Amino acid sequence: MLKLAEFLPAQPDRLWDWSRQMGVRHAICKCAPELTGLNPPWDIDALRTIQRRFKEAGFTLHGLEGDQFDMSRIKLGLPGWEEDIVRYQQMLRNMGELGIPLLCYNFMAGVGWHRSASDVPGRGGALVTRFRVTEMPTERLPCGDVTEERVWENFERFLRAVVPAAEQAGVRMGMHPDDPPLSPLRGVGRVLSRPEGFVRALEAAPSPANAVTFCQANFQLMTDDAAGWARRFAAQAKIAYIHYRNVRGQADDFVETFHDENLPGMVGMVRLYGELGLDVAIRVDHVPTMAGEDNAMPGYGHAGRLFAMGYLKGVLQALEIPYE
């Protein structure tokens, strides 16, 4: 059964209240120290503290998402990557001990998810994000140029080291697509910008723990057959988590939109998730900034997330797809 989840901060805020009021019981959290004021989750006491906060507020901490500590040494193969791998393995063991079953992560080296503009007028004057490759800065990143194959070497080494720890802990690692799904980006190769990259990564460390975060919009930008790839991964029991997001355009020139624009794709994919019988968390992702909100966190305004969650629940109910 699909589990409605929300990406919540580690400290209680209005979104915690609104999520409860919307009937959301599953929390996803980034527990990096700059956000929590605590140690990274390789410290089990820090992770236990955050989990306890959610439990006391009526949530289950279903998963962690994003870089939980600085991953640059692992992703770029810099000195010190070995000790960071050990910390990552410990984080996975801690998650298993505390019963947190999901880790959504990415392997974007040098720069994470990126947009060339974050204040583009959308429907009704709401602000949306845009990526346009012609608007990208031309200067290289501080890490310099890194080939795609070098990033692959680092990624496969990472997978071989951490996936066994995840399997032993009972944690599923859902790899998130590169966002935008282009390679290279500012001189740095990207390894999860095509569906075939996911196939290679899954084969690099065969395990039930090695799985995919099916970020719907990114797969729609990568391929004309996002539904086919969802079927393929589901048939292999490789979908661990779903990001429900909407875009218009193509990988090198797109904008993010309200969830109820481009209806056939947004409804059709939810219908497919129901047909596939997926038993995973799904959360709404990347929403417009609406009137009365500041644009300090593009893609994560509260009003847009309330709208998107209501839309997703409406689609699920109209299609008679069970969820919790």
Protein backbone atom coordinates (compact mmCIF):
# COMPACT_ATOMS: atom_id res chain seq x y z
CA MET A 1 0.00 0.00 0.00
CA LEU A 2 1.23 3.49 -0.80
CA LYS A 3 2.25 5.51 2.25
CA LEU A 4 1.67 9.27 2.09
CA ALA A 5 4.79 10.98 3.39
CA GLU A 6 5.95 14.56 3.81
CA PHE A 7 9.48 15.96 3.82
CA LEU A 8 9.63 17.58 7.24
CA PRO A 9 12.33 19.48 9.12
CA ALA A 10 13.87 17.92 12.21
CA GLN A 11 12.33 20.58 14.45
CA PRO A 12 8.55 20.96 14.82
CA ASP A 13 7.00 23.77 12.79
CA ARG A 14 3.68 24.64 11.14
CA LEU A 15 4.23 22.07 8.42
CA TRP A 16 4.23 19.39 11.09
CA ASP A 17 0.81 20.64 12.24
CA TRP A 18 -0.54 20.97 8.70
CA SER A 19 0.74 17.52 7.76
CA ARG A 20 -1.08 15.94 10.69
CA GLN A 21 -4.21 17.87 9.75
CA MET A 22 -3.93 16.53 6.19
CA GLY A 23 -3.76 12.99 7.55
CA VAL A 24 -0.07 12.42 6.81
CA ARG A 25 1.56 10.08 9.31
CA HIS A 26 4.90 9.27 7.67
CA ALA A 27 7.83 11.68 7.89
CA ILE A 28 10.92 11.92 5.71
CA CYS A 29 13.74 14.05 7.11
CA LYS A 30 17.18 15.36 6.25
CA CYS A 31 19.17 15.02 9.46
CA ALA A 32 22.33 16.90 8.47
CA PRO A 33 23.89 18.73 11.44
CA GLU A 34 23.51 22.19 9.89
CA LEU A 35 19.74 21.60 9.98
CA THR A 36 19.39 19.77 13.29
CA GLY A 37 22.05 21.27 15.57
CA LEU A 38 22.96 17.68 16.42
CA ASN A 39 25.60 15.25 15.24
CA PRO A 40 25.03 13.51 11.90
CA PRO A 41 22.96 10.32 12.06
CA TRP A 42 26.03 8.15 12.29
CA ASP A 43 25.61 9.14 15.96
CA ILE A 44 22.71 6.94 17.05
CA ASP A 45 21.79 9.20 19.96
CA ALA A 46 21.29 12.14 17.59
CA LEU A 47 19.14 10.05 15.27
CA ARG A 48 17.17 8.62 18.18
CA THR A 49 16.44 12.15 19.42
CA ILE A 50 14.97 13.15 16.06
CA GLN A 51 12.97 9.95 15.77
CA ARG A 52 11.54 10.50 19.25
CA ARG A 53 10.39 14.03 18.32
CA PHE A 54 8.46 12.68 15.37
CA LYS A 55 6.94 9.86 17.40
CA GLU A 56 5.78 12.24 20.12
CA ALA A 57 4.11 14.35 17.42
CA GLY A 58 2.26 11.38 15.93
CA PHE A 59 4.58 10.61 13.00
CA THR A 60 6.61 7.58 12.01
CA LEU A 61 10.08 8.55 10.80
CA HIS A 62 9.95 6.45 7.65
CA GLY A 63 13.16 7.59 6.00
CA LEU A 64 16.10 9.93 5.64
CA GLU A 65 16.65 11.91 2.46
CA GLY A 66 19.59 13.81 0.98
CA ASP A 67 23.19 14.09 2.12
CA GLN A 68 23.15 13.50 5.87
CA PHE A 69 26.70 14.80 6.12
CA ASP A 70 29.25 16.17 3.66
CA MET A 71 29.53 13.54 0.95
CA SER A 72 31.97 15.37 -1.30
CA ARG A 73 34.96 13.20 -0.39
CA ILE A 74 33.01 10.05 -1.27
CA LYS A 75 31.52 11.43 -4.49
CA LEU A 76 34.73 13.02 -5.75
CA GLY A 77 37.12 10.36 -4.42
CA LEU A 78 39.02 12.85 -2.25
CA PRO A 79 41.34 11.92 0.63
CA GLY A 80 39.27 10.85 3.61
CA TRP A 81 36.60 9.02 1.62
CA GLU A 82 37.38 5.78 3.46
CA GLU A 83 36.47 7.19 6.88
CA ASP A 84 33.33 8.75 5.44
CA ILE A 85 32.33 5.32 4.11
CA VAL A 86 32.73 3.90 7.62
CA ARG A 87 30.47 6.66 8.96
CA TYR A 88 27.90 5.93 6.25
CA GLN A 89 27.90 2.25 7.16
CA GLN A 90 27.38 3.16 10.81
CA MET A 91 24.48 5.44 9.85
CA LEU A 92 22.83 2.53 8.06
CA ARG A 93 23.30 0.27 11.07
CA ASN A 94 21.76 2.96 13.29
CA MET A 95 18.78 3.27 10.96
CA GLY A 96 18.27 -0.48 11.10
CA GLU A 97 18.50 -0.56 14.88
CA LEU A 98 15.89 2.20 15.15
CA GLY A 99 13.59 0.70 12.51
CA ILE A 100 13.95 3.46 9.90
CA PRO A 101 13.58 1.52 6.63
CA LEU A 102 14.40 4.03 3.86
CA LEU A 103 17.38 6.12 2.78
CA CYS A 104 16.90 8.33 -0.29
CA TYR A 105 20.27 9.53 -1.56
CA ASN A 106 21.89 10.96 -4.65
CA PHE A 107 25.34 10.79 -6.18
CA MET A 108 25.53 14.26 -7.73
CA ALA A 109 29.18 15.23 -7.45
CA GLY A 110 30.32 18.84 -7.30
CA VAL A 111 26.84 20.36 -7.35
CA GLY A 112 23.47 19.02 -6.23
CA TRP A 113 20.04 19.72 -7.71
CA HIS A 114 20.33 22.89 -9.74
CA ARG A 115 18.13 25.47 -11.44
CA SER A 116 19.11 28.44 -13.58
CA ALA A 117 16.18 30.53 -12.26
CA SER A 118 13.92 30.22 -9.23
CA ASP A 119 11.48 33.12 -9.70
CA VAL A 120 9.82 32.45 -13.06
CA PRO A 121 6.15 33.54 -13.15
CA GLY A 122 3.85 30.54 -13.45
CA ARG A 123 0.12 30.08 -13.25
CA GLY A 124 -1.58 33.04 -11.57
CA GLY A 125 1.77 34.67 -10.83
CA ALA A 126 3.08 31.85 -8.63
CA LEU A 127 6.87 31.53 -8.82
CA VAL A 128 8.32 28.38 -10.33
CA THR A 129 11.83 27.11 -10.94
CA ARG A 130 13.42 26.75 -14.36
CA PHE A 131 16.43 24.98 -15.75
CA ARG A 132 17.79 26.17 -19.06
CA VAL A 133 21.20 24.92 -20.05
CA THR A 134 21.94 28.11 -22.00
CA GLU A 135 21.59 30.07 -18.73
CA MET A 136 24.15 28.01 -16.86
CA PRO A 137 27.35 29.70 -15.63
CA THR A 138 30.33 28.92 -17.82
CA GLU A 139 32.95 28.88 -15.07
CA ARG A 140 34.00 25.52 -13.71
CA LEU A 141 33.24 24.30 -10.18
CA PRO A 142 35.94 24.40 -7.47
CA CYS A 143 36.49 20.65 -7.91
CA GLY A 144 37.45 21.20 -11.55
CA ASP A 145 36.48 18.88 -14.38
CA VAL A 146 35.63 15.31 -13.39
CA THR A 147 34.87 12.70 -16.02
CA GLU A 148 31.72 10.64 -15.91
CA GLU A 149 33.74 7.44 -15.71
CA ARG A 150 35.65 8.77 -12.68
CA VAL A 151 32.36 9.47 -10.93
CA TRP A 152 31.24 5.96 -11.87
CA GLU A 153 34.38 4.54 -10.24
CA ASN A 154 33.60 6.42 -7.04
CA PHE A 155 29.92 5.46 -7.15
CA GLU A 156 30.48 1.76 -7.72
CA ARG A 157 33.09 1.68 -4.94
CA PHE A 158 30.55 3.37 -2.66
CA LEU A 159 27.80 0.90 -3.57
CA ARG A 160 29.99 -2.14 -3.02
CA ALA A 161 30.93 -0.81 0.42
CA VAL A 162 27.57 0.36 1.76
CA VAL A 163 24.88 -1.82 0.16
CA PRO A 164 25.88 -4.93 2.18
CA ALA A 165 25.62 -2.85 5.36
CA ALA A 166 22.18 -1.62 4.27
CA GLU A 167 21.00 -5.16 3.53
CA GLN A 168 22.20 -6.40 6.89
CA ALA A 169 20.44 -3.49 8.60
CA GLY A 170 17.18 -3.98 6.71
CA VAL A 171 17.39 -0.53 5.09
CA ARG A 172 16.52 0.12 1.44
CA MET A 173 18.68 2.68 -0.35
CA GLY A 174 16.74 4.48 -3.07
CA MET A 175 19.05 6.28 -5.50
CA HIS A 176 17.66 9.58 -6.76
CA PRO A 177 18.18 10.76 -10.35
CA ASP A 178 20.56 13.56 -11.19
CA ASP A 179 18.58 16.78 -11.24
CA PRO A 180 18.62 18.06 -13.92
CA PRO A 181 19.27 14.74 -15.67
CA LEU A 182 22.16 15.94 -17.81
CA SER A 183 25.82 14.97 -17.98
CA PRO A 184 28.20 16.67 -17.64
CA LEU A 185 27.04 19.65 -15.61
CA ARG A 186 29.59 22.47 -15.35
CA GLY A 187 32.36 20.05 -16.23
CA VAL A 188 31.40 17.29 -13.79
CA GLY A 189 30.06 13.97 -15.02
CA ARG A 190 26.72 12.71 -13.75
CA VAL A 191 25.95 9.01 -13.49
CA LEU A 192 22.18 8.85 -12.90
CA SER A 193 21.01 11.07 -15.75
CA ARG A 194 19.73 8.19 -17.93
CA PRO A 195 17.64 5.14 -17.04
CA GLU A 196 20.50 2.90 -18.16
CA GLY A 197 22.61 4.40 -15.38
CA PHE A 198 20.21 2.96 -12.83
CA VAL A 199 20.53 -0.45 -14.46
CA ARG A 200 24.31 -0.28 -14.18
CA ALA A 201 24.14 0.86 -10.54
CA LEU A 202 21.72 -1.91 -9.59
CA GLU A 203 23.99 -4.48 -11.23
CA ALA A 204 27.07 -3.08 -9.46
CA ALA A 205 25.79 -4.26 -6.07
CA PRO A 206 23.00 -6.83 -6.46
CA SER A 207 20.86 -6.73 -3.33
CA PRO A 208 17.27 -6.11 -2.22
CA ALA A 209 18.70 -3.07 -0.43
CA ASN A 210 19.95 -1.48 -3.66
CA ALA A 211 16.93 0.25 -5.17
CA VAL A 212 15.53 3.34 -6.90
CA THR A 213 13.82 6.52 -5.82
CA PHE A 214 11.41 6.91 -8.72
CA CYS A 215 11.40 10.69 -9.10
CA GLN A 216 8.63 10.87 -11.64
CA ALA A 217 9.50 14.23 -13.20
CA ASN A 218 13.16 13.39 -13.68
CA PHE A 219 12.32 10.10 -15.37
CA GLN A 220 9.89 11.94 -17.62
CA LEU A 221 12.72 14.30 -18.58
CA MET A 222 15.13 11.40 -19.20
CA THR A 223 12.90 9.24 -21.36
CA ASP A 224 9.69 9.12 -23.37
CA ASP A 225 8.78 5.92 -21.53
CA ALA A 226 8.78 6.75 -17.82
CA ALA A 227 5.86 4.38 -17.32
CA GLY A 228 7.78 1.56 -18.96
CA TRP A 229 10.75 2.11 -16.68
CA ALA A 230 8.46 2.18 -13.65
CA ARG A 231 7.05 -1.19 -14.72
CA ARG A 232 10.53 -2.61 -15.26
CA PHE A 233 11.84 -1.49 -11.87
CA ALA A 234 8.66 -2.60 -10.11
CA ALA A 235 8.88 -6.05 -11.71
CA GLN A 236 12.35 -6.34 -10.17
CA ALA A 237 11.10 -5.01 -6.79
CA LYS A 238 13.48 -2.08 -7.18
CA ILE A 239 11.23 0.92 -6.47
CA ALA A 240 11.82 1.96 -2.86
CA TYR A 241 10.23 5.44 -2.86
CA ILE A 242 8.33 7.82 -5.15
CA HIS A 243 8.73 11.56 -5.67
CA TYR A 244 5.56 12.97 -7.22
CA ARG A 245 6.56 16.08 -9.18
CA ASN A 246 5.45 17.82 -12.37
CA VAL A 247 7.49 19.47 -15.14
CA ARG A 248 6.97 20.94 -18.58
CA GLY A 249 9.75 20.85 -21.19
CA GLN A 250 12.79 18.68 -21.79
CA ALA A 251 15.95 17.93 -19.85
CA ASP A 252 17.90 20.94 -21.10
CA ASP A 253 15.00 23.43 -20.85
CA PHE A 254 12.13 22.90 -18.41
CA VAL A 255 10.03 24.52 -15.71
CA GLU A 256 8.42 22.91 -12.69
CA THR A 257 4.66 23.39 -12.45
CA PHE A 258 1.66 22.87 -10.23
CA HIS A 259 0.78 19.22 -9.84
CA ASP A 260 -2.58 19.60 -11.58
CA GLU A 261 -1.10 20.87 -14.85
CA ASN A 262 -0.48 18.26 -17.57
CA LEU A 263 -3.25 16.08 -16.18
CA PRO A 264 -2.90 12.90 -18.29
CA GLY A 265 0.63 12.15 -17.11
CA MET A 266 0.06 13.04 -13.48
CA VAL A 267 -3.09 10.97 -13.14
CA GLY A 268 -1.83 8.15 -15.35
CA MET A 269 1.32 7.60 -13.30
CA VAL A 270 -0.64 7.39 -10.06
CA ARG A 271 -2.95 4.86 -11.69
CA LEU A 272 0.14 2.87 -12.68
CA TYR A 273 1.55 2.92 -9.14
CA GLY A 274 -1.74 1.44 -7.95
CA GLU A 275 -1.75 -1.22 -10.67
CA LEU A 276 1.81 -2.18 -9.77
CA GLY A 277 0.80 -2.70 -6.14
CA LEU A 278 3.70 -0.65 -4.82
CA ASP A 279 4.15 -0.76 -1.05
CA VAL A 280 6.36 2.32 -0.69
CA ALA A 281 6.28 5.89 0.57
CA ILE A 282 5.24 8.61 -1.87
CA ARG A 283 5.67 12.33 -1.29
CA VAL A 284 4.82 15.43 -3.27
CA ASP A 285 7.92 17.26 -4.41
CA HIS A 286 8.96 20.68 -5.76
CA VAL A 287 6.00 23.04 -5.76
CA PRO A 288 5.49 26.66 -6.84
CA THR A 289 5.88 29.50 -4.34
CA MET A 290 2.40 30.97 -3.90
CA ALA A 291 1.09 34.45 -3.06
CA GLY A 292 2.04 35.69 0.39
CA GLU A 293 5.06 33.40 0.73
CA ASP A 294 8.68 34.40 0.48
CA ASN A 295 10.80 32.48 -2.00
CA ALA A 296 13.59 31.58 0.41
CA MET A 297 13.30 27.85 -0.37
CA PRO A 298 12.26 27.54 -4.02
CA GLY A 299 10.30 24.37 -4.61
CA TYR A 300 9.42 23.90 -0.95
CA GLY A 301 6.83 26.56 -0.14
CA HIS A 302 4.25 25.41 2.38
CA ALA A 303 1.12 26.53 0.52
CA GLY A 304 2.13 24.69 -2.63
CA ARG A 305 2.78 21.53 -0.68
CA LEU A 306 -0.66 21.68 0.93
CA PHE A 307 -2.19 22.08 -2.52
CA ALA A 308 -0.11 19.22 -3.95
CA MET A 309 -0.90 16.82 -1.12
CA GLY A 310 -4.60 17.55 -1.46
CA TYR A 311 -4.33 16.93 -5.19
CA LEU A 312 -2.51 13.63 -4.71
CA LYS A 313 -5.06 12.44 -2.16
CA GLY A 314 -7.87 13.42 -4.51
CA VAL A 315 -6.34 11.44 -7.37
CA LEU A 316 -5.80 8.40 -5.16
CA GLN A 317 -9.36 8.52 -3.88
CA ALA A 318 -10.86 9.07 -7.34
CA LEU A 319 -8.92 6.07 -8.65
CA GLU A 320 -9.83 4.06 -5.52
CA ILE A 321 -6.19 3.32 -4.77
CA PRO A 322 -5.70 2.50 -1.07
CA TYR A 323 -3.12 4.45 0.91
CA GLU A 324 -2.18 5.12 4.49
